[in-house]
């Protein structure tokens, strides 16, 4: 399994690995993180990984450019996982505060940016009035923010927690709450893999669903304990708070099936933002039968 970057955002799949839920289905799943020389799309297309955690936008982008379909078969995250920090305290923050300001955006994926555009338009703010800096790796964006550049920074945990803790930034918005429910991340595989290893992928979804059910009732501290080997640099208390925040905003679904309304909401965000040029059928990129079979087993 490949993840696009290493983050507590992907807790359901990490718990499935670290908590033994994949193993309970007879699976030995190793985890690989994408990097500059290997993306989730490339890893799936050339067969170096069997399945990946990734955004539907990757598949939409690929087919929009005439490439082969990469199919999503189980929901991992139902919310945007990023947060907006302000350099100055803004107890009465409004989205119009971004007009005329500079936002250091998350540079690791395009979906957070297009969700931001959607949020601004919904709030009556012209995105053209905001200066977005999108090309920076996270470490460089954080360094610039610490150095006094930019008015706002969009990032995820644990970076957001560290910046708030030392007073560098002030949390003003959850992009998950602002964007609303969208299928942000899901398990993805090539169409060939779905045909050849369908029974195995049913077991993969059963393992994920085991993790989802466990996470839904486990105290945040217990989830943090399972995640500890994957994040040795994050202490148990901060990790438990990260888990509680994500769970409190409905980030992690308990049903792995990807519904069509969510797919269409995400596609509209990407289409309106200009990331894709045309609509693509739900059934071409989404498989719900694997998850349905997994839930019935």
C-alpha atoms as a PDB file:
ATOM      1  CA  UNK A   1       0.000   0.000   0.000  1.00  0.00           C
ATOM      2  CA  UNK A   2       1.279   3.468  -0.864  1.00  0.00           C
ATOM      3  CA  UNK A   3       0.293   6.699   0.881  1.00  0.00           C
ATOM      4  CA  UNK A   4       0.778  10.096  -0.807  1.00  0.00           C
ATOM      5  CA  UNK A   5       2.448  11.534   2.292  1.00  0.00           C
ATOM      6  CA  UNK A   6       2.836  10.400   5.885  1.00  0.00           C
ATOM      7  CA  UNK A   7       0.169  12.011   8.056  1.00  0.00           C
ATOM      8  CA  UNK A   8      -2.276  11.242  10.901  1.00  0.00           C
ATOM      9  CA  UNK A   9      -4.923  12.189   8.328  1.00  0.00           C
ATOM     10  CA  UNK A  10      -4.608   8.619   7.036  1.00  0.00           C
ATOM     11  CA  UNK A  11      -5.222   7.080  10.459  1.00  0.00           C
ATOM     12  CA  UNK A  12      -7.766   4.470   9.215  1.00  0.00           C
ATOM     13  CA  UNK A  13      -5.241   2.784   6.931  1.00  0.00           C
ATOM     14  CA  UNK A  14      -2.417   3.180   9.446  1.00  0.00           C
ATOM     15  CA  UNK A  15      -4.562   1.595  12.159  1.00  0.00           C
ATOM     16  CA  UNK A  16      -5.427  -1.228   9.742  1.00  0.00           C
ATOM     17  CA  UNK A  17      -1.678  -1.914   9.403  1.00  0.00           C
ATOM     18  CA  UNK A  18      -0.437  -1.128  12.927  1.00  0.00           C
ATOM     19  CA  UNK A  19      -3.490  -2.485  14.745  1.00  0.00           C
ATOM     20  CA  UNK A  20      -3.457  -5.881  13.037  1.00  0.00           C
ATOM     21  CA  UNK A  21      -6.753  -5.462  11.168  1.00  0.00           C
ATOM     22  CA  UNK A  22      -5.256  -6.328   7.788  1.00  0.00           C
ATOM     23  CA  UNK A  23      -3.423  -9.248   9.424  1.00  0.00           C
ATOM     24  CA  UNK A  24      -6.728 -10.513  10.810  1.00  0.00           C
ATOM     25  CA  UNK A  25      -7.816 -10.949   7.177  1.00  0.00           C
ATOM     26  CA  UNK A  26      -4.669 -12.949   6.388  1.00  0.00           C
ATOM     27  CA  UNK A  27      -2.942 -10.022   4.691  1.00  0.00           C
ATOM     28  CA  UNK A  28       0.672  -8.920   5.076  1.00  0.00           C
ATOM     29  CA  UNK A  29       0.507  -5.261   4.047  1.00  0.00           C
ATOM     30  CA  UNK A  30       3.648  -3.146   3.934  1.00  0.00           C
ATOM     31  CA  UNK A  31       3.460   0.621   3.715  1.00  0.00           C
ATOM     32  CA  UNK A  32       5.358   2.863   1.317  1.00  0.00           C
ATOM     33  CA  UNK A  33       5.201   6.652   1.155  1.00  0.00           C
ATOM     34  CA  UNK A  34       5.238   8.453  -2.181  1.00  0.00           C
ATOM     35  CA  UNK A  35       8.066  10.855  -2.903  1.00  0.00           C
ATOM     36  CA  UNK A  36       9.475  13.132  -5.593  1.00  0.00           C
ATOM     37  CA  UNK A  37      10.445  10.183  -7.776  1.00  0.00           C
ATOM     38  CA  UNK A  38       7.372   7.988  -7.290  1.00  0.00           C
ATOM     39  CA  UNK A  39       3.746   9.099  -7.043  1.00  0.00           C
ATOM     40  CA  UNK A  40       0.757   6.942  -6.142  1.00  0.00           C
ATOM     41  CA  UNK A  41      -0.363   7.090  -9.785  1.00  0.00           C
ATOM     42  CA  UNK A  42       3.021   5.969 -11.120  1.00  0.00           C
ATOM     43  CA  UNK A  43       3.295   3.246  -8.484  1.00  0.00           C
ATOM     44  CA  UNK A  44      -0.035   1.755  -9.516  1.00  0.00           C
ATOM     45  CA  UNK A  45       0.466   2.104 -13.256  1.00  0.00           C
ATOM     46  CA  UNK A  46       3.865   0.397 -13.258  1.00  0.00           C
ATOM     47  CA  UNK A  47       2.846  -2.282 -10.745  1.00  0.00           C
ATOM     48  CA  UNK A  48       5.291  -1.356  -7.985  1.00  0.00           C
ATOM     49  CA  UNK A  49       2.415  -1.133  -5.477  1.00  0.00           C
ATOM     50  CA  UNK A  50      -0.810  -3.120  -5.301  1.00  0.00           C
ATOM     51  CA  UNK A  51      -3.102  -0.359  -4.039  1.00  0.00           C
ATOM     52  CA  UNK A  52      -2.783   3.173  -2.716  1.00  0.00           C
ATOM     53  CA  UNK A  53      -4.430   5.745  -0.493  1.00  0.00           C
ATOM     54  CA  UNK A  54      -5.086   8.686  -2.760  1.00  0.00           C
ATOM     55  CA  UNK A  55      -7.565  11.318  -3.851  1.00  0.00           C
ATOM     56  CA  UNK A  56     -10.182  10.815  -6.542  1.00  0.00           C
ATOM     57  CA  UNK A  57      -8.728  13.967  -8.100  1.00  0.00           C
ATOM     58  CA  UNK A  58      -5.689  11.880  -9.156  1.00  0.00           C
ATOM     59  CA  UNK A  59      -7.943   9.612 -11.195  1.00  0.00           C
ATOM     60  CA  UNK A  60      -9.965  12.514 -12.562  1.00  0.00           C
ATOM     61  CA  UNK A  61      -6.783  14.275 -13.652  1.00  0.00           C
ATOM     62  CA  UNK A  62      -5.443  11.132 -15.330  1.00  0.00           C
ATOM     63  CA  UNK A  63      -8.576  10.344 -17.351  1.00  0.00           C
ATOM     64  CA  UNK A  64      -9.082  14.020 -18.151  1.00  0.00           C
ATOM     65  CA  UNK A  65      -5.701  13.888 -19.884  1.00  0.00           C
ATOM     66  CA  UNK A  66      -6.651  10.700 -21.743  1.00  0.00           C
ATOM     67  CA  UNK A  67      -4.993   8.229 -19.388  1.00  0.00           C
ATOM     68  CA  UNK A  68      -6.301   4.893 -18.082  1.00  0.00           C
ATOM     69  CA  UNK A  69      -8.777   4.768 -15.205  1.00  0.00           C
ATOM     70  CA  UNK A  70      -7.514   4.218 -11.680  1.00  0.00           C
ATOM     71  CA  UNK A  71     -10.482   2.973  -9.686  1.00  0.00           C
ATOM     72  CA  UNK A  72     -11.398   3.896  -6.095  1.00  0.00           C
ATOM     73  CA  UNK A  73     -12.979   1.146  -4.025  1.00  0.00           C
ATOM     74  CA  UNK A  74     -13.082   2.161  -0.354  1.00  0.00           C
ATOM     75  CA  UNK A  75     -13.485   5.468   1.516  1.00  0.00           C
ATOM     76  CA  UNK A  76     -10.723   6.537   3.909  1.00  0.00           C
ATOM     77  CA  UNK A  77     -11.406  10.250   4.545  1.00  0.00           C
ATOM     78  CA  UNK A  78     -14.738  12.022   4.094  1.00  0.00           C
ATOM     79  CA  UNK A  79     -13.397  15.499   4.879  1.00  0.00           C
ATOM     80  CA  UNK A  80     -10.649  17.880   3.905  1.00  0.00           C
ATOM     81  CA  UNK A  81      -7.849  17.325   6.434  1.00  0.00           C
ATOM     82  CA  UNK A  82      -6.240  20.766   6.429  1.00  0.00           C
ATOM     83  CA  UNK A  83      -6.461  23.807   8.676  1.00  0.00           C
ATOM     84  CA  UNK A  84      -5.956  27.535   8.181  1.00  0.00           C
ATOM     85  CA  UNK A  85      -3.607  29.453  10.442  1.00  0.00           C
ATOM     86  CA  UNK A  86      -3.412  33.225  10.708  1.00  0.00           C
ATOM     87  CA  UNK A  87      -0.294  35.115  11.703  1.00  0.00           C
ATOM     88  CA  UNK A  88      -2.362  37.414  13.940  1.00  0.00           C
ATOM     89  CA  UNK A  89      -5.158  36.404  16.328  1.00  0.00           C
ATOM     90  CA  UNK A  90      -8.545  36.700  14.616  1.00  0.00           C
ATOM     91  CA  UNK A  91     -11.244  35.828  17.150  1.00  0.00           C
ATOM     92  CA  UNK A  92     -13.918  36.986  14.687  1.00  0.00           C
ATOM     93  CA  UNK A  93     -12.380  35.485  11.561  1.00  0.00           C
ATOM     94  CA  UNK A  94     -14.383  35.771   8.343  1.00  0.00           C
ATOM     95  CA  UNK A  95     -13.453  34.501   4.910  1.00  0.00           C
ATOM     96  CA  UNK A  96     -13.366  38.043   3.569  1.00  0.00           C
ATOM     97  CA  UNK A  97     -10.265  38.504   5.755  1.00  0.00           C
ATOM     98  CA  UNK A  98      -8.366  36.668   3.010  1.00  0.00           C
ATOM     99  CA  UNK A  99      -9.083  39.394   0.429  1.00  0.00           C
ATOM    100  CA  UNK A 100      -5.834  41.260  -0.177  1.00  0.00           C
ATOM    101  CA  UNK A 101      -3.888  38.728   1.903  1.00  0.00           C
ATOM    102  CA  UNK A 102      -1.234  36.142   1.018  1.00  0.00           C
ATOM    103  CA  UNK A 103      -1.955  32.471   1.748  1.00  0.00           C
ATOM    104  CA  UNK A 104       0.867  29.931   1.826  1.00  0.00           C
ATOM    105  CA  UNK A 105      -1.028  26.920   0.489  1.00  0.00           C
ATOM    106  CA  UNK A 106      -0.340  23.235   1.003  1.00  0.00           C
ATOM    107  CA  UNK A 107       1.862  22.300  -1.945  1.00  0.00           C
ATOM    108  CA  UNK A 108       1.649  18.516  -1.782  1.00  0.00           C
ATOM    109  CA  UNK A 109      -1.677  18.077  -3.602  1.00  0.00           C
ATOM    110  CA  UNK A 110      -4.093  20.264  -5.572  1.00  0.00           C
ATOM    111  CA  UNK A 111      -7.379  19.353  -3.876  1.00  0.00           C
ATOM    112  CA  UNK A 112      -6.912  21.555  -0.772  1.00  0.00           C
ATOM    113  CA  UNK A 113      -6.410  24.597  -3.021  1.00  0.00           C
ATOM    114  CA  UNK A 114      -9.532  23.912  -5.089  1.00  0.00           C
ATOM    115  CA  UNK A 115     -11.545  23.315  -1.927  1.00  0.00           C
ATOM    116  CA  UNK A 116     -10.331  26.694  -0.676  1.00  0.00           C
ATOM    117  CA  UNK A 117     -11.515  28.345  -3.897  1.00  0.00           C
ATOM    118  CA  UNK A 118     -14.922  26.714  -3.430  1.00  0.00           C
ATOM    119  CA  UNK A 119     -15.172  27.914   0.174  1.00  0.00           C
ATOM    120  CA  UNK A 120     -14.261  31.467  -0.830  1.00  0.00           C
ATOM    121  CA  UNK A 121     -16.798  31.595  -3.657  1.00  0.00           C
ATOM    122  CA  UNK A 122     -19.515  30.268  -1.356  1.00  0.00           C
ATOM    123  CA  UNK A 123     -18.654  33.046   1.126  1.00  0.00           C
ATOM    124  CA  UNK A 124     -18.873  35.687  -1.607  1.00  0.00           C
ATOM    125  CA  UNK A 125     -15.111  36.270  -1.801  1.00  0.00           C
ATOM    126  CA  UNK A 126     -13.451  36.506  -5.227  1.00  0.00           C
ATOM    127  CA  UNK A 127     -10.467  34.107  -5.168  1.00  0.00           C
ATOM    128  CA  UNK A 128      -8.661  36.525  -7.497  1.00  0.00           C
ATOM    129  CA  UNK A 129      -8.466  38.948  -4.563  1.00  0.00           C
ATOM    130  CA  UNK A 130      -6.258  36.475  -2.664  1.00  0.00           C
ATOM    131  CA  UNK A 131      -2.580  35.809  -3.383  1.00  0.00           C
ATOM    132  CA  UNK A 132      -1.887  32.073  -3.158  1.00  0.00           C
ATOM    133  CA  UNK A 133       1.652  30.694  -2.925  1.00  0.00           C
ATOM    134  CA  UNK A 134       1.234  27.072  -3.969  1.00  0.00           C
ATOM    135  CA  UNK A 135       4.582  25.719  -5.102  1.00  0.00           C
ATOM    136  CA  UNK A 136       6.364  25.397  -1.749  1.00  0.00           C
ATOM    137  CA  UNK A 137       7.059  22.098   0.034  1.00  0.00           C
ATOM    138  CA  UNK A 138       5.605  22.054   3.532  1.00  0.00           C
ATOM    139  CA  UNK A 139       8.944  22.636   5.261  1.00  0.00           C
ATOM    140  CA  UNK A 140       9.671  25.688   3.096  1.00  0.00           C
ATOM    141  CA  UNK A 141       6.175  27.120   3.586  1.00  0.00           C
ATOM    142  CA  UNK A 142       6.510  26.736   7.363  1.00  0.00           C
ATOM    143  CA  UNK A 143       9.967  28.339   7.313  1.00  0.00           C
ATOM    144  CA  UNK A 144       8.608  31.330   5.393  1.00  0.00           C
ATOM    145  CA  UNK A 145       5.665  31.657   7.765  1.00  0.00           C
ATOM    146  CA  UNK A 146       8.011  31.570  10.758  1.00  0.00           C
ATOM    147  CA  UNK A 147      10.143  34.213   9.048  1.00  0.00           C
ATOM    148  CA  UNK A 148       7.187  36.574   8.825  1.00  0.00           C
ATOM    149  CA  UNK A 149       6.142  35.949   5.237  1.00  0.00           C
ATOM    150  CA  UNK A 150       2.513  35.375   4.333  1.00  0.00           C
ATOM    151  CA  UNK A 151      -0.623  36.272   6.262  1.00  0.00           C
ATOM    152  CA  UNK A 152      -2.100  32.770   6.390  1.00  0.00           C
ATOM    153  CA  UNK A 153      -0.761  29.220   6.179  1.00  0.00           C
ATOM    154  CA  UNK A 154      -2.754  26.139   5.180  1.00  0.00           C
ATOM    155  CA  UNK A 155      -1.335  22.926   6.627  1.00  0.00           C
ATOM    156  CA  UNK A 156      -2.162  19.738   8.469  1.00  0.00           C
ATOM    157  CA  UNK A 157      -1.112  18.151  11.759  1.00  0.00           C
ATOM    158  CA  UNK A 158       1.287  17.895  13.454  1.00  0.00           C
ATOM    159  CA  UNK A 159       2.646  21.080  11.843  1.00  0.00           C
ATOM    160  CA  UNK A 160      -0.473  23.084  12.677  1.00  0.00           C
ATOM    161  CA  UNK A 161      -0.292  21.967  16.315  1.00  0.00           C
ATOM    162  CA  UNK A 162       3.375  22.932  16.659  1.00  0.00           C
ATOM    163  CA  UNK A 163       2.813  26.392  15.176  1.00  0.00           C
ATOM    164  CA  UNK A 164      -0.166  27.049  17.426  1.00  0.00           C
ATOM    165  CA  UNK A 165       1.698  25.768  20.485  1.00  0.00           C
ATOM    166  CA  UNK A 166       4.648  28.120  20.026  1.00  0.00           C
ATOM    167  CA  UNK A 167       2.503  31.125  19.105  1.00  0.00           C
ATOM    168  CA  UNK A 168       3.654  31.405  15.505  1.00  0.00           C
ATOM    169  CA  UNK A 169       0.139  30.885  14.160  1.00  0.00           C
ATOM    170  CA  UNK A 170      -3.458  31.059  15.318  1.00  0.00           C
ATOM    171  CA  UNK A 171      -6.022  28.488  14.214  1.00  0.00           C
ATOM    172  CA  UNK A 172      -8.897  30.272  12.475  1.00  0.00           C
ATOM    173  CA  UNK A 173     -10.609  27.617  10.355  1.00  0.00           C
ATOM    174  CA  UNK A 174     -10.942  23.894   9.781  1.00  0.00           C
ATOM    175  CA  UNK A 175     -11.009  23.349   6.041  1.00  0.00           C
ATOM    176  CA  UNK A 176     -12.841  20.078   6.686  1.00  0.00           C
ATOM    177  CA  UNK A 177     -15.712  21.902   8.343  1.00  0.00           C
ATOM    178  CA  UNK A 178     -15.625  24.749   5.819  1.00  0.00           C
ATOM    179  CA  UNK A 179     -15.573  22.501   2.746  1.00  0.00           C
ATOM    180  CA  UNK A 180     -18.173  20.058   4.013  1.00  0.00           C
ATOM    181  CA  UNK A 181     -18.296  16.320   3.330  1.00  0.00           C
ATOM    182  CA  UNK A 182     -16.373  15.225   0.236  1.00  0.00           C
ATOM    183  CA  UNK A 183     -14.597  11.915  -0.520  1.00  0.00           C
ATOM    184  CA  UNK A 184     -11.139  13.344   0.058  1.00  0.00           C
ATOM    185  CA  UNK A 185      -9.067  10.132   0.174  1.00  0.00           C
ATOM    186  CA  UNK A 186      -9.820   6.525  -0.707  1.00  0.00           C
ATOM    187  CA  UNK A 187      -8.208   3.240  -1.654  1.00  0.00           C
ATOM    188  CA  UNK A 188      -7.282   3.181  -5.329  1.00  0.00           C
ATOM    189  CA  UNK A 189      -6.049   0.471  -7.696  1.00  0.00           C
ATOM    190  CA  UNK A 190      -5.641  -0.079 -11.390  1.00  0.00           C
ATOM    191  CA  UNK A 191      -8.532  -1.603 -13.322  1.00  0.00           C
ATOM    192  CA  UNK A 192      -6.284  -4.581 -14.082  1.00  0.00           C
ATOM    193  CA  UNK A 193      -5.560  -5.137 -10.375  1.00  0.00           C
ATOM    194  CA  UNK A 194      -9.257  -5.006  -9.552  1.00  0.00           C
ATOM    195  CA  UNK A 195      -9.928  -7.723 -12.093  1.00  0.00           C
ATOM    196  CA  UNK A 196      -6.956  -9.935 -11.211  1.00  0.00           C
ATOM    197  CA  UNK A 197      -6.989  -9.641  -7.397  1.00  0.00           C
ATOM    198  CA  UNK A 198     -10.596  -8.833  -6.619  1.00  0.00           C
ATOM    199  CA  UNK A 199     -10.891 -11.406  -3.815  1.00  0.00           C
ATOM    200  CA  UNK A 200      -7.765 -10.013  -2.170  1.00  0.00           C
ATOM    201  CA  UNK A 201      -9.079  -6.455  -2.372  1.00  0.00           C
ATOM    202  CA  UNK A 202     -12.338  -7.579  -0.724  1.00  0.00           C
ATOM    203  CA  UNK A 203     -10.182  -8.758   2.198  1.00  0.00           C
ATOM    204  CA  UNK A 204      -8.332  -5.429   2.146  1.00  0.00           C
ATOM    205  CA  UNK A 205     -11.643  -3.584   2.575  1.00  0.00           C
ATOM    206  CA  UNK A 206     -12.708  -5.977   5.332  1.00  0.00           C
ATOM    207  CA  UNK A 207      -9.467  -5.128   7.147  1.00  0.00           C
ATOM    208  CA  UNK A 208     -10.040  -1.409   6.645  1.00  0.00           C
ATOM    209  CA  UNK A 209     -13.613  -1.742   7.881  1.00  0.00           C
ATOM    210  CA  UNK A 210     -12.367  -3.564  10.998  1.00  0.00           C
ATOM    211  CA  UNK A 211     -10.117  -0.555  11.658  1.00  0.00           C
ATOM    212  CA  UNK A 212     -12.958   1.892  10.985  1.00  0.00           C
ATOM    213  CA  UNK A 213     -15.265   0.147  13.448  1.00  0.00           C
ATOM    214  CA  UNK A 214     -12.553  -0.036  16.113  1.00  0.00           C
ATOM    215  CA  UNK A 215     -11.635   3.638  15.690  1.00  0.00           C
ATOM    216  CA  UNK A 216     -15.262   4.738  16.005  1.00  0.00           C
ATOM    217  CA  UNK A 217     -15.472   3.480  19.587  1.00  0.00           C
ATOM    218  CA  UNK A 218     -11.858   3.608  20.822  1.00  0.00           C
ATOM    219  CA  UNK A 219     -10.740   6.486  23.074  1.00  0.00           C
ATOM    220  CA  UNK A 220      -8.399   8.905  21.248  1.00  0.00           C
ATOM    221  CA  UNK A 221      -5.536   7.918  23.532  1.00  0.00           C
ATOM    222  CA  UNK A 222      -5.908   4.252  22.477  1.00  0.00           C
ATOM    223  CA  UNK A 223      -5.828   5.270  18.810  1.00  0.00           C
ATOM    224  CA  UNK A 224      -2.739   7.376  19.510  1.00  0.00           C
ATOM    225  CA  UNK A 225      -1.067   4.358  21.123  1.00  0.00           C
ATOM    226  CA  UNK A 226      -1.622   2.268  17.982  1.00  0.00           C
ATOM    227  CA  UNK A 227      -0.252   5.094  15.819  1.00  0.00           C
ATOM    228  CA  UNK A 228       2.838   5.622  17.990  1.00  0.00           C
ATOM    229  CA  UNK A 229       5.206   3.319  16.021  1.00  0.00           C
ATOM    230  CA  UNK A 230       4.291   5.134  12.800  1.00  0.00           C
ATOM    231  CA  UNK A 231       4.906   8.593  14.305  1.00  0.00           C
ATOM    232  CA  UNK A 232       7.764   8.341  16.802  1.00  0.00           C
ATOM    233  CA  UNK A 233       8.249  12.126  16.749  1.00  0.00           C
ATOM    234  CA  UNK A 234       4.693  12.913  17.949  1.00  0.00           C
ATOM    235  CA  UNK A 235       4.059  12.463  21.656  1.00  0.00           C
ATOM    236  CA  UNK A 236       0.998  10.544  22.820  1.00  0.00           C
ATOM    237  CA  UNK A 237      -0.914  13.551  24.181  1.00  0.00           C
ATOM    238  CA  UNK A 238      -0.655  15.704  21.032  1.00  0.00           C
ATOM    239  CA  UNK A 239      -1.501  12.705  18.860  1.00  0.00           C
ATOM    240  CA  UNK A 240      -4.615  11.975  20.926  1.00  0.00           C
ATOM    241  CA  UNK A 241      -5.704  15.588  20.444  1.00  0.00           C
ATOM    242  CA  UNK A 242      -5.127  15.309  16.689  1.00  0.00           C
ATOM    243  CA  UNK A 243      -7.262  12.154  16.604  1.00  0.00           C
ATOM    244  CA  UNK A 244     -10.023  13.786  18.670  1.00  0.00           C
ATOM    245  CA  UNK A 245     -10.100  16.846  16.407  1.00  0.00           C
ATOM    246  CA  UNK A 246     -10.295  14.810  13.231  1.00  0.00           C
ATOM    247  CA  UNK A 247     -12.930  12.489  14.625  1.00  0.00           C
ATOM    248  CA  UNK A 248     -14.953  15.388  16.002  1.00  0.00           C
ATOM    249  CA  UNK A 249     -15.381  16.902  12.547  1.00  0.00           C
ATOM    250  CA  UNK A 250     -16.399  13.611  10.927  1.00  0.00           C
ATOM    251  CA  UNK A 251     -13.183  13.055   8.978  1.00  0.00           C
ATOM    252  CA  UNK A 252     -13.230   9.263   9.052  1.00  0.00           C
ATOM    253  CA  UNK A 253     -16.258   7.319   7.747  1.00  0.00           C
ATOM    254  CA  UNK A 254     -17.375   4.029   9.205  1.00  0.00           C
ATOM    255  CA  UNK A 255     -18.839   2.871   5.871  1.00  0.00           C
ATOM    256  CA  UNK A 256     -16.194   2.226   3.188  1.00  0.00           C
ATOM    257  CA  UNK A 257     -18.617   2.635   0.287  1.00  0.00           C
ATOM    258  CA  UNK A 258     -18.082   5.730  -1.860  1.00  0.00           C
ATOM    259  CA  UNK A 259     -21.418   7.323  -2.686  1.00  0.00           C
ATOM    260  CA  UNK A 260     -22.211   9.162  -5.902  1.00  0.00           C
ATOM    261  CA  UNK A 261     -23.379  12.475  -4.353  1.00  0.00           C
ATOM    262  CA  UNK A 262     -19.996  12.932  -2.694  1.00  0.00           C
ATOM    263  CA  UNK A 263     -18.182  12.105  -5.912  1.00  0.00           C
ATOM    264  CA  UNK A 264     -20.253  14.672  -7.794  1.00  0.00           C
ATOM    265  CA  UNK A 265     -19.610  17.359  -5.142  1.00  0.00           C
ATOM    266  CA  UNK A 266     -15.873  16.818  -5.456  1.00  0.00           C
ATOM    267  CA  UNK A 267     -16.026  16.743  -9.243  1.00  0.00           C
ATOM    268  CA  UNK A 268     -17.934  20.045  -9.241  1.00  0.00           C
ATOM    269  CA  UNK A 269     -15.261  21.652  -7.043  1.00  0.00           C
ATOM    270  CA  UNK A 270     -12.499  20.514  -9.409  1.00  0.00           C
ATOM    271  CA  UNK A 271     -14.436  21.387 -12.555  1.00  0.00           C
ATOM    272  CA  UNK A 272     -15.384  24.872 -11.372  1.00  0.00           C
ATOM    273  CA  UNK A 273     -11.797  25.502 -10.314  1.00  0.00           C
ATOM    274  CA  UNK A 274     -10.474  24.471 -13.723  1.00  0.00           C
ATOM    275  CA  UNK A 275      -8.515  21.433 -12.524  1.00  0.00           C
ATOM    276  CA  UNK A 276     -10.446  19.181 -14.939  1.00  0.00           C
ATOM    277  CA  UNK A 277     -12.061  20.164 -18.225  1.00  0.00           C
ATOM    278  CA  UNK A 278     -15.112  17.908 -18.321  1.00  0.00           C
ATOM    279  CA  UNK A 279     -17.234  15.580 -16.189  1.00  0.00           C
ATOM    280  CA  UNK A 280     -16.374  11.900 -15.874  1.00  0.00           C
ATOM    281  CA  UNK A 281     -18.913   9.159 -15.033  1.00  0.00           C
ATOM    282  CA  UNK A 282     -19.057   7.928 -11.450  1.00  0.00           C
ATOM    283  CA  UNK A 283     -19.116   4.289 -12.560  1.00  0.00           C
ATOM    284  CA  UNK A 284     -15.909   4.744 -14.562  1.00  0.00           C
ATOM    285  CA  UNK A 285     -13.812   5.607 -11.499  1.00  0.00           C
ATOM    286  CA  UNK A 286     -15.723   4.199  -8.507  1.00  0.00           C
ATOM    287  CA  UNK A 287     -16.315   0.538  -7.581  1.00  0.00           C
ATOM    288  CA  UNK A 288     -18.773   0.003  -4.710  1.00  0.00           C
ATOM    289  CA  UNK A 289     -19.253  -3.733  -5.244  1.00  0.00           C
ATOM    290  CA  UNK A 290     -15.978  -4.642  -3.524  1.00  0.00           C
ATOM    291  CA  UNK A 291     -16.966  -2.733  -0.379  1.00  0.00           C
ATOM    292  CA  UNK A 292     -20.496  -4.104  -0.500  1.00  0.00           C
ATOM    293  CA  UNK A 293     -19.140  -7.655  -0.672  1.00  0.00           C
ATOM    294  CA  UNK A 294     -16.692  -6.904   2.160  1.00  0.00           C
ATOM    295  CA  UNK A 295     -19.495  -5.643   4.399  1.00  0.00           C
ATOM    296  CA  UNK A 296     -21.610  -8.710   3.646  1.00  0.00           C
ATOM    297  CA  UNK A 297     -18.802 -11.142   4.479  1.00  0.00           C
END
